[in-house]
Amino acid sequence: MQSASREVAALKADSFGRIALMRDHGGLFVRRDLVHVPLWLRVPAWWL
């Protein structure tokens, strides 16, 4: 389901993750992605 989604627009990016407007077969949704969070901030980013 996630693999079929595509990014429509970037909304915000900071040290705790990247937020983007996404679209999949169900319509628009918002994703907070922690994949690019620096290693030393991954625990607090995951906790939040």
ModelCIF file with pLDDT and N, C-alpha, C, O atoms, coordinates in Angstrom:
data_MODEL
#
_entry.id   MODEL 
#
_entity.id                         1 
_entity.type                       polymer 
_entity.pdbx_number_of_molecules   1 
#
_entity_poly.entity_id                      1 
_entity_poly.type                           'polypeptide(L)' 
_entity_poly.nstd_linkage                   no 
_entity_poly.nstd_monomer                   no 
_entity_poly.pdbx_seq_one_letter_code       MQSASREVAALKADSFGRIALMRDHGGLFVRRDLVHVPLWLRVPAWWL 
_entity_poly.pdbx_seq_one_letter_code_can   MQSASREVAALKADSFGRIALMRDHGGLFVRRDLVHVPLWLRVPAWWL 
_entity_poly.pdbx_strand_id                 A 
#
loop_
_entity_poly_seq.entity_id 
_entity_poly_seq.num 
_entity_poly_seq.mon_id 
_entity_poly_seq.hetero 
1 1  MET n 
1 2  GLN n 
1 3  SER n 
1 4  ALA n 
1 5  SER n 
1 6  ARG n 
1 7  GLU n 
1 8  VAL n 
1 9  ALA n 
1 10 ALA n 
1 11 LEU n 
1 12 LYS n 
1 13 ALA n 
1 14 ASP n 
1 15 SER n 
1 16 PHE n 
1 17 GLY n 
1 18 ARG n 
1 19 ILE n 
1 20 ALA n 
1 21 LEU n 
1 22 MET n 
1 23 ARG n 
1 24 ASP n 
1 25 HIS n 
1 26 GLY n 
1 27 GLY n 
1 28 LEU n 
1 29 PHE n 
1 30 VAL n 
1 31 ARG n 
1 32 ARG n 
1 33 ASP n 
1 34 LEU n 
1 35 VAL n 
1 36 HIS n 
1 37 VAL n 
1 38 PRO n 
1 39 LEU n 
1 40 TRP n 
1 41 LEU n 
1 42 ARG n 
1 43 VAL n 
1 44 PRO n 
1 45 ALA n 
1 46 TRP n 
1 47 TRP n 
1 48 LEU n 
#
_struct_asym.id          A 
_struct_asym.entity_id   1 
#
loop_
_ma_qa_metric.id 
_ma_qa_metric.mode 
_ma_qa_metric.name 
_ma_qa_metric.software_group_id 
_ma_qa_metric.type 
1 global pLDDT . pLDDT 
2 local  pLDDT . pLDDT 
#
_ma_qa_metric_global.metric_id      1 
_ma_qa_metric_global.metric_value   89.62 
_ma_qa_metric_global.model_id       1 
_ma_qa_metric_global.ordinal_id     1 
#
loop_
_ma_qa_metric_local.label_asym_id 
_ma_qa_metric_local.label_comp_id 
_ma_qa_metric_local.label_seq_id 
_ma_qa_metric_local.metric_id 
_ma_qa_metric_local.metric_value 
_ma_qa_metric_local.model_id 
_ma_qa_metric_local.ordinal_id 
A MET 1  2 45.00 1 1  
A GLN 2  2 51.00 1 2  
A SER 3  2 55.00 1 3  
A ALA 4  2 85.00 1 4  
A SER 5  2 90.00 1 5  
A ARG 6  2 94.00 1 6  
A GLU 7  2 95.00 1 7  
A VAL 8  2 95.00 1 8  
A ALA 9  2 94.00 1 9  
A ALA 10 2 93.00 1 10 
A LEU 11 2 91.00 1 11 
A LYS 12 2 87.00 1 12 
A ALA 13 2 84.00 1 13 
A ASP 14 2 82.00 1 14 
A SER 15 2 80.00 1 15 
A PHE 16 2 85.00 1 16 
A GLY 17 2 89.00 1 17 
A ARG 18 2 93.00 1 18 
A ILE 19 2 94.00 1 19 
A ALA 20 2 95.00 1 20 
A LEU 21 2 96.00 1 21 
A MET 22 2 97.00 1 22 
A ARG 23 2 96.00 1 23 
A ASP 24 2 94.00 1 24 
A HIS 25 2 92.00 1 25 
A GLY 26 2 90.00 1 26 
A GLY 27 2 95.00 1 27 
A LEU 28 2 97.00 1 28 
A PHE 29 2 98.00 1 29 
A VAL 30 2 97.00 1 30 
A ARG 31 2 97.00 1 31 
A ARG 32 2 96.00 1 32 
A ASP 33 2 96.00 1 33 
A LEU 34 2 96.00 1 34 
A VAL 35 2 91.00 1 35 
A HIS 36 2 87.00 1 36 
A VAL 37 2 92.00 1 37 
A PRO 38 2 90.00 1 38 
A LEU 39 2 90.00 1 39 
A TRP 40 2 90.00 1 40 
A LEU 41 2 91.00 1 41 
A ARG 42 2 92.00 1 42 
A VAL 43 2 94.00 1 43 
A PRO 44 2 92.00 1 44 
A ALA 45 2 94.00 1 45 
A TRP 46 2 96.00 1 46 
A TRP 47 2 95.00 1 47 
A LEU 48 2 94.00 1 48 
#
loop_
_atom_site.group_PDB 
_atom_site.id 
_atom_site.type_symbol 
_atom_site.label_atom_id 
_atom_site.label_alt_id 
_atom_site.label_comp_id 
_atom_site.label_asym_id 
_atom_site.label_entity_id 
_atom_site.label_seq_id 
_atom_site.pdbx_PDB_ins_code 
_atom_site.Cartn_x 
_atom_site.Cartn_y 
_atom_site.Cartn_z 
_atom_site.occupancy 
_atom_site.B_iso_or_equiv 
_atom_site.pdbx_formal_charge 
_atom_site.auth_seq_id 
_atom_site.auth_comp_id 
_atom_site.auth_asym_id 
_atom_site.auth_atom_id 
_atom_site.pdbx_PDB_model_num 
ATOM 1   N N  . MET A 1 1  ? 0.835  -1.203 0.000  1.00 45.00 ? 1  MET A N  1 
ATOM 2   C CA . MET A 1 1  ? 0.000  0.000  0.000  1.00 45.00 ? 1  MET A CA 1 
ATOM 3   C C  . MET A 1 1  ? 0.867  1.248  0.000  1.00 45.00 ? 1  MET A C  1 
ATOM 4   O O  . MET A 1 1  ? 0.590  2.204  -0.725 1.00 45.00 ? 1  MET A O  1 
ATOM 5   N N  . GLN A 1 2  ? 1.928  1.239  0.823  1.00 51.00 ? 2  GLN A N  1 
ATOM 6   C CA . GLN A 1 2  ? 2.822  2.375  0.870  1.00 51.00 ? 2  GLN A CA 1 
ATOM 7   C C  . GLN A 1 2  ? 3.587  2.525  -0.431 1.00 51.00 ? 2  GLN A C  1 
ATOM 8   O O  . GLN A 1 2  ? 3.862  3.649  -0.851 1.00 51.00 ? 2  GLN A O  1 
ATOM 9   N N  . SER A 1 3  ? 3.948  1.390  -1.098 1.00 55.00 ? 3  SER A N  1 
ATOM 10  C CA . SER A 1 3  ? 4.723  1.452  -2.327 1.00 55.00 ? 3  SER A CA 1 
ATOM 11  C C  . SER A 1 3  ? 3.937  2.102  -3.456 1.00 55.00 ? 3  SER A C  1 
ATOM 12  O O  . SER A 1 3  ? 4.537  2.616  -4.400 1.00 55.00 ? 3  SER A O  1 
ATOM 13  N N  . ALA A 1 4  ? 2.581  2.093  -3.382 1.00 85.00 ? 4  ALA A N  1 
ATOM 14  C CA . ALA A 1 4  ? 1.758  2.670  -4.428 1.00 85.00 ? 4  ALA A CA 1 
ATOM 15  C C  . ALA A 1 4  ? 1.513  4.152  -4.216 1.00 85.00 ? 4  ALA A C  1 
ATOM 16  O O  . ALA A 1 4  ? 0.871  4.797  -5.045 1.00 85.00 ? 4  ALA A O  1 
ATOM 17  N N  . SER A 1 5  ? 2.015  4.703  -3.116 1.00 90.00 ? 5  SER A N  1 
ATOM 18  C CA . SER A 1 5  ? 1.785  6.118  -2.829 1.00 90.00 ? 5  SER A CA 1 
ATOM 19  C C  . SER A 1 5  ? 2.842  6.978  -3.514 1.00 90.00 ? 5  SER A C  1 
ATOM 20  O O  . SER A 1 5  ? 3.943  6.515  -3.814 1.00 90.00 ? 5  SER A O  1 
ATOM 21  N N  . ARG A 1 6  ? 2.484  8.241  -3.754 1.00 94.00 ? 6  ARG A N  1 
ATOM 22  C CA . ARG A 1 6  ? 3.440  9.184  -4.346 1.00 94.00 ? 6  ARG A CA 1 
ATOM 23  C C  . ARG A 1 6  ? 3.324  10.518 -3.641 1.00 94.00 ? 6  ARG A C  1 
ATOM 24  O O  . ARG A 1 6  ? 2.258  10.878 -3.139 1.00 94.00 ? 6  ARG A O  1 
ATOM 25  N N  . GLU A 1 7  ? 4.424  11.249 -3.604 1.00 95.00 ? 7  GLU A N  1 
ATOM 26  C CA . GLU A 1 7  ? 4.442  12.544 -2.937 1.00 95.00 ? 7  GLU A CA 1 
ATOM 27  C C  . GLU A 1 7  ? 3.824  13.611 -3.835 1.00 95.00 ? 7  GLU A C  1 
ATOM 28  O O  . GLU A 1 7  ? 4.131  13.706 -5.023 1.00 95.00 ? 7  GLU A O  1 
ATOM 29  N N  . VAL A 1 8  ? 2.951  14.405 -3.236 1.00 95.00 ? 8  VAL A N  1 
ATOM 30  C CA . VAL A 1 8  ? 2.319  15.510 -3.953 1.00 95.00 ? 8  VAL A CA 1 
ATOM 31  C C  . VAL A 1 8  ? 3.042  16.820 -3.667 1.00 95.00 ? 8  VAL A C  1 
ATOM 32  O O  . VAL A 1 8  ? 3.290  17.615 -4.573 1.00 95.00 ? 8  VAL A O  1 
ATOM 33  N N  . ALA A 1 9  ? 3.382  17.039 -2.380 1.00 94.00 ? 9  ALA A N  1 
ATOM 34  C CA . ALA A 1 9  ? 4.082  18.268 -2.005 1.00 94.00 ? 9  ALA A CA 1 
ATOM 35  C C  . ALA A 1 9  ? 4.774  18.075 -0.662 1.00 94.00 ? 9  ALA A C  1 
ATOM 36  O O  . ALA A 1 9  ? 4.264  17.386 0.221  1.00 94.00 ? 9  ALA A O  1 
ATOM 37  N N  . ALA A 1 10 ? 5.939  18.692 -0.522 1.00 93.00 ? 10 ALA A N  1 
ATOM 38  C CA . ALA A 1 10 ? 6.628  18.708 0.769  1.00 93.00 ? 10 ALA A CA 1 
ATOM 39  C C  . ALA A 1 10 ? 5.999  19.798 1.624  1.00 93.00 ? 10 ALA A C  1 
ATOM 40  O O  . ALA A 1 10 ? 5.816  20.922 1.157  1.00 93.00 ? 10 ALA A O  1 
ATOM 41  N N  . LEU A 1 11 ? 5.668  19.482 2.860  1.00 91.00 ? 11 LEU A N  1 
ATOM 42  C CA . LEU A 1 11 ? 5.022  20.440 3.757  1.00 91.00 ? 11 LEU A CA 1 
ATOM 43  C C  . LEU A 1 11 ? 5.988  21.021 4.773  1.00 91.00 ? 11 LEU A C  1 
ATOM 44  O O  . LEU A 1 11 ? 5.922  22.209 5.088  1.00 91.00 ? 11 LEU A O  1 
ATOM 45  N N  . LYS A 1 12 ? 6.886  20.191 5.289  1.00 87.00 ? 12 LYS A N  1 
ATOM 46  C CA . LYS A 1 12 ? 7.802  20.646 6.329  1.00 87.00 ? 12 LYS A CA 1 
ATOM 47  C C  . LYS A 1 12 ? 8.916  19.621 6.481  1.00 87.00 ? 12 LYS A C  1 
ATOM 48  O O  . LYS A 1 12 ? 8.698  18.422 6.308  1.00 87.00 ? 12 LYS A O  1 
ATOM 49  N N  . ALA A 1 13 ? 10.115 20.105 6.806  1.00 84.00 ? 13 ALA A N  1 
ATOM 50  C CA . ALA A 1 13 ? 11.225 19.201 7.092  1.00 84.00 ? 13 ALA A CA 1 
ATOM 51  C C  . ALA A 1 13 ? 12.078 19.812 8.185  1.00 84.00 ? 13 ALA A C  1 
ATOM 52  O O  . ALA A 1 13 ? 12.456 20.981 8.109  1.00 84.00 ? 13 ALA A O  1 
ATOM 53  N N  . ASP A 1 14 ? 12.381 19.011 9.210  1.00 82.00 ? 14 ASP A N  1 
ATOM 54  C CA . ASP A 1 14 ? 13.262 19.471 10.265 1.00 82.00 ? 14 ASP A CA 1 
ATOM 55  C C  . ASP A 1 14 ? 14.070 18.285 10.766 1.00 82.00 ? 14 ASP A C  1 
ATOM 56  O O  . ASP A 1 14 ? 14.075 17.220 10.149 1.00 82.00 ? 14 ASP A O  1 
ATOM 57  N N  . SER A 1 15 ? 14.752 18.475 11.885 1.00 80.00 ? 15 SER A N  1 
ATOM 58  C CA . SER A 1 15 ? 15.635 17.432 12.398 1.00 80.00 ? 15 SER A CA 1 
ATOM 59  C C  . SER A 1 15 ? 14.888 16.198 12.869 1.00 80.00 ? 15 SER A C  1 
ATOM 60  O O  . SER A 1 15 ? 15.499 15.147 13.059 1.00 80.00 ? 15 SER A O  1 
ATOM 61  N N  . PHE A 1 16 ? 13.560 16.304 13.066 1.00 85.00 ? 16 PHE A N  1 
ATOM 62  C CA . PHE A 1 16 ? 12.786 15.186 13.594 1.00 85.00 ? 16 PHE A CA 1 
ATOM 63  C C  . PHE A 1 16 ? 11.942 14.494 12.538 1.00 85.00 ? 16 PHE A C  1 
ATOM 64  O O  . PHE A 1 16 ? 11.073 13.685 12.866 1.00 85.00 ? 16 PHE A O  1 
ATOM 65  N N  . GLY A 1 17 ? 12.192 14.805 11.276 1.00 89.00 ? 17 GLY A N  1 
ATOM 66  C CA . GLY A 1 17 ? 11.470 14.103 10.229 1.00 89.00 ? 17 GLY A CA 1 
ATOM 67  C C  . GLY A 1 17 ? 11.021 15.024 9.108  1.00 89.00 ? 17 GLY A C  1 
ATOM 68  O O  . GLY A 1 17 ? 11.165 16.245 9.174  1.00 89.00 ? 17 GLY A O  1 
ATOM 69  N N  . ARG A 1 18 ? 10.479 14.403 8.090  1.00 93.00 ? 18 ARG A N  1 
ATOM 70  C CA . ARG A 1 18 ? 9.993  15.126 6.917  1.00 93.00 ? 18 ARG A CA 1 
ATOM 71  C C  . ARG A 1 18 ? 8.506  14.863 6.778  1.00 93.00 ? 18 ARG A C  1 
ATOM 72  O O  . ARG A 1 18 ? 8.060  13.717 6.827  1.00 93.00 ? 18 ARG A O  1 
ATOM 73  N N  . ILE A 1 19 ? 7.740  15.937 6.603  1.00 94.00 ? 19 ILE A N  1 
ATOM 74  C CA . ILE A 1 19 ? 6.294  15.814 6.466  1.00 94.00 ? 19 ILE A CA 1 
ATOM 75  C C  . ILE A 1 19 ? 5.911  16.162 5.036  1.00 94.00 ? 19 ILE A C  1 
ATOM 76  O O  . ILE A 1 19 ? 6.307  17.204 4.513  1.00 94.00 ? 19 ILE A O  1 
ATOM 77  N N  . ALA A 1 20 ? 5.144  15.289 4.415  1.00 95.00 ? 20 ALA A N  1 
ATOM 78  C CA . ALA A 1 20 ? 4.770  15.506 3.021  1.00 95.00 ? 20 ALA A CA 1 
ATOM 79  C C  . ALA A 1 20 ? 3.303  15.146 2.799  1.00 95.00 ? 20 ALA A C  1 
ATOM 80  O O  . ALA A 1 20 ? 2.738  14.288 3.476  1.00 95.00 ? 20 ALA A O  1 
ATOM 81  N N  . LEU A 1 21 ? 2.715  15.830 1.833  1.00 96.00 ? 21 LEU A N  1 
ATOM 82  C CA . LEU A 1 21 ? 1.366  15.490 1.385  1.00 96.00 ? 21 LEU A CA 1 
ATOM 83  C C  . LEU A 1 21 ? 1.501  14.381 0.348  1.00 96.00 ? 21 LEU A C  1 
ATOM 84  O O  . LEU A 1 21 ? 2.221  14.523 -0.640 1.00 96.00 ? 21 LEU A O  1 
ATOM 85  N N  . MET A 1 22 ? 0.800  13.277 0.586  1.00 97.00 ? 22 MET A N  1 
ATOM 86  C CA . MET A 1 22 ? 0.918  12.093 -0.255 1.00 97.00 ? 22 MET A CA 1 
ATOM 87  C C  . MET A 1 22 ? -0.434 11.756 -0.895 1.00 97.00 ? 22 MET A C  1 
ATOM 88  O O  . MET A 1 22 ? -1.487 12.233 -0.473 1.00 97.00 ? 22 MET A O  1 
ATOM 89  N N  . ARG A 1 23 ? -0.356 10.916 -1.926 1.00 96.00 ? 23 ARG A N  1 
ATOM 90  C CA . ARG A 1 23 ? -1.586 10.411 -2.546 1.00 96.00 ? 23 ARG A CA 1 
ATOM 91  C C  . ARG A 1 23 ? -1.414 8.927  -2.854 1.00 96.00 ? 23 ARG A C  1 
ATOM 92  O O  . ARG A 1 23 ? -0.375 8.496  -3.354 1.00 96.00 ? 23 ARG A O  1 
ATOM 93  N N  . ASP A 1 24 ? -2.447 8.162  -2.548 1.00 94.00 ? 24 ASP A N  1 
ATOM 94  C CA . ASP A 1 24 ? -2.483 6.764  -2.959 1.00 94.00 ? 24 ASP A CA 1 
ATOM 95  C C  . ASP A 1 24 ? -3.866 6.473  -3.528 1.00 94.00 ? 24 ASP A C  1 
ATOM 96  O O  . ASP A 1 24 ? -4.627 7.398  -3.814 1.00 94.00 ? 24 ASP A O  1 
ATOM 97  N N  . HIS A 1 25 ? -4.191 5.216  -3.692 1.00 92.00 ? 25 HIS A N  1 
ATOM 98  C CA . HIS A 1 25 ? -5.477 4.867  -4.300 1.00 92.00 ? 25 HIS A CA 1 
ATOM 99  C C  . HIS A 1 25 ? -6.663 5.349  -3.471 1.00 92.00 ? 25 HIS A C  1 
ATOM 100 O O  . HIS A 1 25 ? -7.778 5.460  -3.981 1.00 92.00 ? 25 HIS A O  1 
ATOM 101 N N  . GLY A 1 26 ? -6.419 5.638  -2.180 1.00 90.00 ? 26 GLY A N  1 
ATOM 102 C CA . GLY A 1 26 ? -7.502 6.097  -1.313 1.00 90.00 ? 26 GLY A CA 1 
ATOM 103 C C  . GLY A 1 26 ? -7.645 7.613  -1.262 1.00 90.00 ? 26 GLY A C  1 
ATOM 104 O O  . GLY A 1 26 ? -8.585 8.123  -0.653 1.00 90.00 ? 26 GLY A O  1 
ATOM 105 N N  . GLY A 1 27 ? -6.730 8.336  -1.890 1.00 95.00 ? 27 GLY A N  1 
ATOM 106 C CA . GLY A 1 27 ? -6.786 9.799  -1.887 1.00 95.00 ? 27 GLY A CA 1 
ATOM 107 C C  . GLY A 1 27 ? -5.593 10.414 -1.185 1.00 95.00 ? 27 GLY A C  1 
ATOM 108 O O  . GLY A 1 27 ? -4.548 9.777  -1.055 1.00 95.00 ? 27 GLY A O  1 
ATOM 109 N N  . LEU A 1 28 ? -5.744 11.648 -0.732 1.00 97.00 ? 28 LEU A N  1 
ATOM 110 C CA . LEU A 1 28 ? -4.667 12.389 -0.087 1.00 97.00 ? 28 LEU A CA 1 
ATOM 111 C C  . LEU A 1 28 ? -4.503 11.980 1.371  1.00 97.00 ? 28 LEU A C  1 
ATOM 112 O O  . LEU A 1 28 ? -5.478 11.665 2.054  1.00 97.00 ? 28 LEU A O  1 
ATOM 113 N N  . PHE A 1 29 ? -3.254 11.990 1.839  1.00 98.00 ? 29 PHE A N  1 
ATOM 114 C CA . PHE A 1 29 ? -2.958 11.807 3.253  1.00 98.00 ? 29 PHE A CA 1 
ATOM 115 C C  . PHE A 1 29 ? -1.626 12.485 3.559  1.00 98.00 ? 29 PHE A C  1 
ATOM 116 O O  . PHE A 1 29 ? -0.909 12.896 2.646  1.00 98.00 ? 29 PHE A O  1 
ATOM 117 N N  . VAL A 1 30 ? -1.300 12.601 4.828  1.00 97.00 ? 30 VAL A N  1 
ATOM 118 C CA . VAL A 1 30 ? -0.068 13.266 5.255  1.00 97.00 ? 30 VAL A CA 1 
ATOM 119 C C  . VAL A 1 30 ? 0.858  12.226 5.875  1.00 97.00 ? 30 VAL A C  1 
ATOM 120 O O  . VAL A 1 30 ? 0.426  11.395 6.674  1.00 97.00 ? 30 VAL A O  1 
ATOM 121 N N  . ARG A 1 31 ? 2.134  12.278 5.500  1.00 97.00 ? 31 ARG A N  1 
ATOM 122 C CA . ARG A 1 31 ? 3.114  11.316 6.012  1.00 97.00 ? 31 ARG A CA 1 
ATOM 123 C C  . ARG A 1 31 ? 4.239  12.038 6.759  1.00 97.00 ? 31 ARG A C  1 
ATOM 124 O O  . ARG A 1 31 ? 4.811  13.009 6.263  1.00 97.00 ? 31 ARG A O  1 
ATOM 125 N N  . ARG A 1 32 ? 4.537  11.544 7.950  1.00 96.00 ? 32 ARG A N  1 
ATOM 126 C CA . ARG A 1 32 ? 5.750  11.950 8.677  1.00 96.00 ? 32 ARG A CA 1 
ATOM 127 C C  . ARG A 1 32 ? 6.762  10.817 8.498  1.00 96.00 ? 32 ARG A C  1 
ATOM 128 O O  . ARG A 1 32 ? 6.538  9.695  8.950  1.00 96.00 ? 32 ARG A O  1 
ATOM 129 N N  . ASP A 1 33 ? 7.868  11.123 7.837  1.00 96.00 ? 33 ASP A N  1 
ATOM 130 C CA . ASP A 1 33 ? 8.858  10.110 7.491  1.00 96.00 ? 33 ASP A CA 1 
ATOM 131 C C  . ASP A 1 33 ? 10.137 10.359 8.278  1.00 96.00 ? 33 ASP A C  1 
ATOM 132 O O  . ASP A 1 33 ? 10.703 11.451 8.230  1.00 96.00 ? 33 ASP A O  1 
ATOM 133 N N  . LEU A 1 34 ? 10.589 9.334  9.007  1.00 96.00 ? 34 LEU A N  1 
ATOM 134 C CA . LEU A 1 34 ? 11.778 9.453  9.838  1.00 96.00 ? 34 LEU A CA 1 
ATOM 135 C C  . LEU A 1 34 ? 13.023 8.896  9.162  1.00 96.00 ? 34 LEU A C  1 
ATOM 136 O O  . LEU A 1 34 ? 14.085 8.840  9.783  1.00 96.00 ? 34 LEU A O  1 
ATOM 137 N N  . VAL A 1 35 ? 12.917 8.489  7.918  1.00 91.00 ? 35 VAL A N  1 
ATOM 138 C CA . VAL A 1 35 ? 14.010 7.769  7.269  1.00 91.00 ? 35 VAL A CA 1 
ATOM 139 C C  . VAL A 1 35 ? 15.284 8.604  7.157  1.00 91.00 ? 35 VAL A C  1 
ATOM 140 O O  . VAL A 1 35 ? 16.382 8.047  7.192  1.00 91.00 ? 35 VAL A O  1 
ATOM 141 N N  . HIS A 1 36 ? 15.166 9.926  7.024  1.00 87.00 ? 36 HIS A N  1 
ATOM 142 C CA . HIS A 1 36 ? 16.344 10.774 6.848  1.00 87.00 ? 36 HIS A CA 1 
ATOM 143 C C  . HIS A 1 36 ? 16.768 11.485 8.139  1.00 87.00 ? 36 HIS A C  1 
ATOM 144 O O  . HIS A 1 36 ? 17.623 12.369 8.102  1.00 87.00 ? 36 HIS A O  1 
ATOM 145 N N  . VAL A 1 37 ? 16.185 11.111 9.261  1.00 92.00 ? 37 VAL A N  1 
ATOM 146 C CA . VAL A 1 37 ? 16.559 11.720 10.539 1.00 92.00 ? 37 VAL A CA 1 
ATOM 147 C C  . VAL A 1 37 ? 18.000 11.321 10.885 1.00 92.00 ? 37 VAL A C  1 
ATOM 148 O O  . VAL A 1 37 ? 18.361 10.151 10.757 1.00 92.00 ? 37 VAL A O  1 
ATOM 149 N N  . PRO A 1 38 ? 18.825 12.279 11.320 1.00 90.00 ? 38 PRO A N  1 
ATOM 150 C CA . PRO A 1 38 ? 20.204 11.938 11.708 1.00 90.00 ? 38 PRO A CA 1 
ATOM 151 C C  . PRO A 1 38 ? 20.228 10.854 12.778 1.00 90.00 ? 38 PRO A C  1 
ATOM 152 O O  . PRO A 1 38 ? 19.331 10.773 13.617 1.00 90.00 ? 38 PRO A O  1 
ATOM 153 N N  . LEU A 1 39 ? 21.253 10.031 12.736 1.00 90.00 ? 39 LEU A N  1 
ATOM 154 C CA . LEU A 1 39 ? 21.350 8.893  13.640 1.00 90.00 ? 39 LEU A CA 1 
ATOM 155 C C  . LEU A 1 39 ? 21.202 9.295  15.100 1.00 90.00 ? 39 LEU A C  1 
ATOM 156 O O  . LEU A 1 39 ? 20.537 8.603  15.871 1.00 90.00 ? 39 LEU A O  1 
ATOM 157 N N  . TRP A 1 40 ? 21.823 10.418 15.488 1.00 90.00 ? 40 TRP A N  1 
ATOM 158 C CA . TRP A 1 40 ? 21.814 10.813 16.900 1.00 90.00 ? 40 TRP A CA 1 
ATOM 159 C C  . TRP A 1 40 ? 20.462 11.348 17.359 1.00 90.00 ? 40 TRP A C  1 
ATOM 160 O O  . TRP A 1 40 ? 20.243 11.549 18.554 1.00 90.00 ? 40 TRP A O  1 
ATOM 161 N N  . LEU A 1 41 ? 19.540 11.581 16.392 1.00 91.00 ? 41 LEU A N  1 
ATOM 162 C CA . LEU A 1 41 ? 18.212 12.078 16.761 1.00 91.00 ? 41 LEU A CA 1 
ATOM 163 C C  . LEU A 1 41 ? 17.110 11.046 16.511 1.00 91.00 ? 41 LEU A C  1 
ATOM 164 O O  . LEU A 1 41 ? 15.930 11.352 16.682 1.00 91.00 ? 41 LEU A O  1 
ATOM 165 N N  . ARG A 1 42 ? 17.476 9.848  16.115 1.00 92.00 ? 42 ARG A N  1 
ATOM 166 C CA . ARG A 1 42 ? 16.451 8.874  15.746 1.00 92.00 ? 42 ARG A CA 1 
ATOM 167 C C  . ARG A 1 42 ? 15.588 8.446  16.931 1.00 92.00 ? 42 ARG A C  1 
ATOM 168 O O  . ARG A 1 42 ? 14.384 8.244  16.775 1.00 92.00 ? 42 ARG A O  1 
ATOM 169 N N  . VAL A 1 43 ? 16.184 8.309  18.102 1.00 94.00 ? 43 VAL A N  1 
ATOM 170 C CA . VAL A 1 43 ? 15.395 7.894  19.262 1.00 94.00 ? 43 VAL A CA 1 
ATOM 171 C C  . VAL A 1 43 ? 14.369 8.956  19.648 1.00 94.00 ? 43 VAL A C  1 
ATOM 172 O O  . VAL A 1 43 ? 13.190 8.625  19.782 1.00 94.00 ? 43 VAL A O  1 
ATOM 173 N N  . PRO A 1 44 ? 14.774 10.249 19.836 1.00 92.00 ? 44 PRO A N  1 
ATOM 174 C CA . PRO A 1 44 ? 13.743 11.247 20.155 1.00 92.00 ? 44 PRO A CA 1 
ATOM 175 C C  . PRO A 1 44 ? 12.728 11.438 19.033 1.00 92.00 ? 44 PRO A C  1 
ATOM 176 O O  . PRO A 1 44 ? 11.553 11.681 19.306 1.00 92.00 ? 44 PRO A O  1 
ATOM 177 N N  . ALA A 1 45 ? 13.161 11.332 17.765 1.00 94.00 ? 45 ALA A N  1 
ATOM 178 C CA . ALA A 1 45 ? 12.223 11.475 16.649 1.00 94.00 ? 45 ALA A CA 1 
ATOM 179 C C  . ALA A 1 45 ? 11.206 10.336 16.667 1.00 94.00 ? 45 ALA A C  1 
ATOM 180 O O  . ALA A 1 45 ? 10.015 10.562 16.453 1.00 94.00 ? 45 ALA A O  1 
ATOM 181 N N  . TRP A 1 46 ? 11.677 9.106  16.925 1.00 96.00 ? 46 TRP A N  1 
ATOM 182 C CA . TRP A 1 46 ? 10.772 7.953  17.024 1.00 96.00 ? 46 TRP A CA 1 
ATOM 183 C C  . TRP A 1 46 ? 9.821  8.131  18.198 1.00 96.00 ? 46 TRP A C  1 
ATOM 184 O O  . TRP A 1 46 ? 8.631  7.834  18.089 1.00 96.00 ? 46 TRP A O  1 
ATOM 185 N N  . TRP A 1 47 ? 10.341 8.612  19.317 1.00 95.00 ? 47 TRP A N  1 
ATOM 186 C CA . TRP A 1 47 ? 9.507  8.797  20.511 1.00 95.00 ? 47 TRP A CA 1 
ATOM 187 C C  . TRP A 1 47 ? 8.393  9.802  20.247 1.00 95.00 ? 47 TRP A C  1 
ATOM 188 O O  . TRP A 1 47 ? 7.252  9.584  20.654 1.00 95.00 ? 47 TRP A O  1 
ATOM 189 N N  . LEU A 1 48 ? 8.717  10.903 19.567 1.00 94.00 ? 48 LEU A N  1 
ATOM 190 C CA . LEU A 1 48 ? 7.705  11.914 19.262 1.00 94.00 ? 48 LEU A CA 1 
ATOM 191 C C  . LEU A 1 48 ? 6.659  11.373 18.290 1.00 94.00 ? 48 LEU A C  1 
ATOM 192 O O  . LEU A 1 48 ? 5.729  12.091 17.922 1.00 94.00 ? 48 LEU A O  1 
#
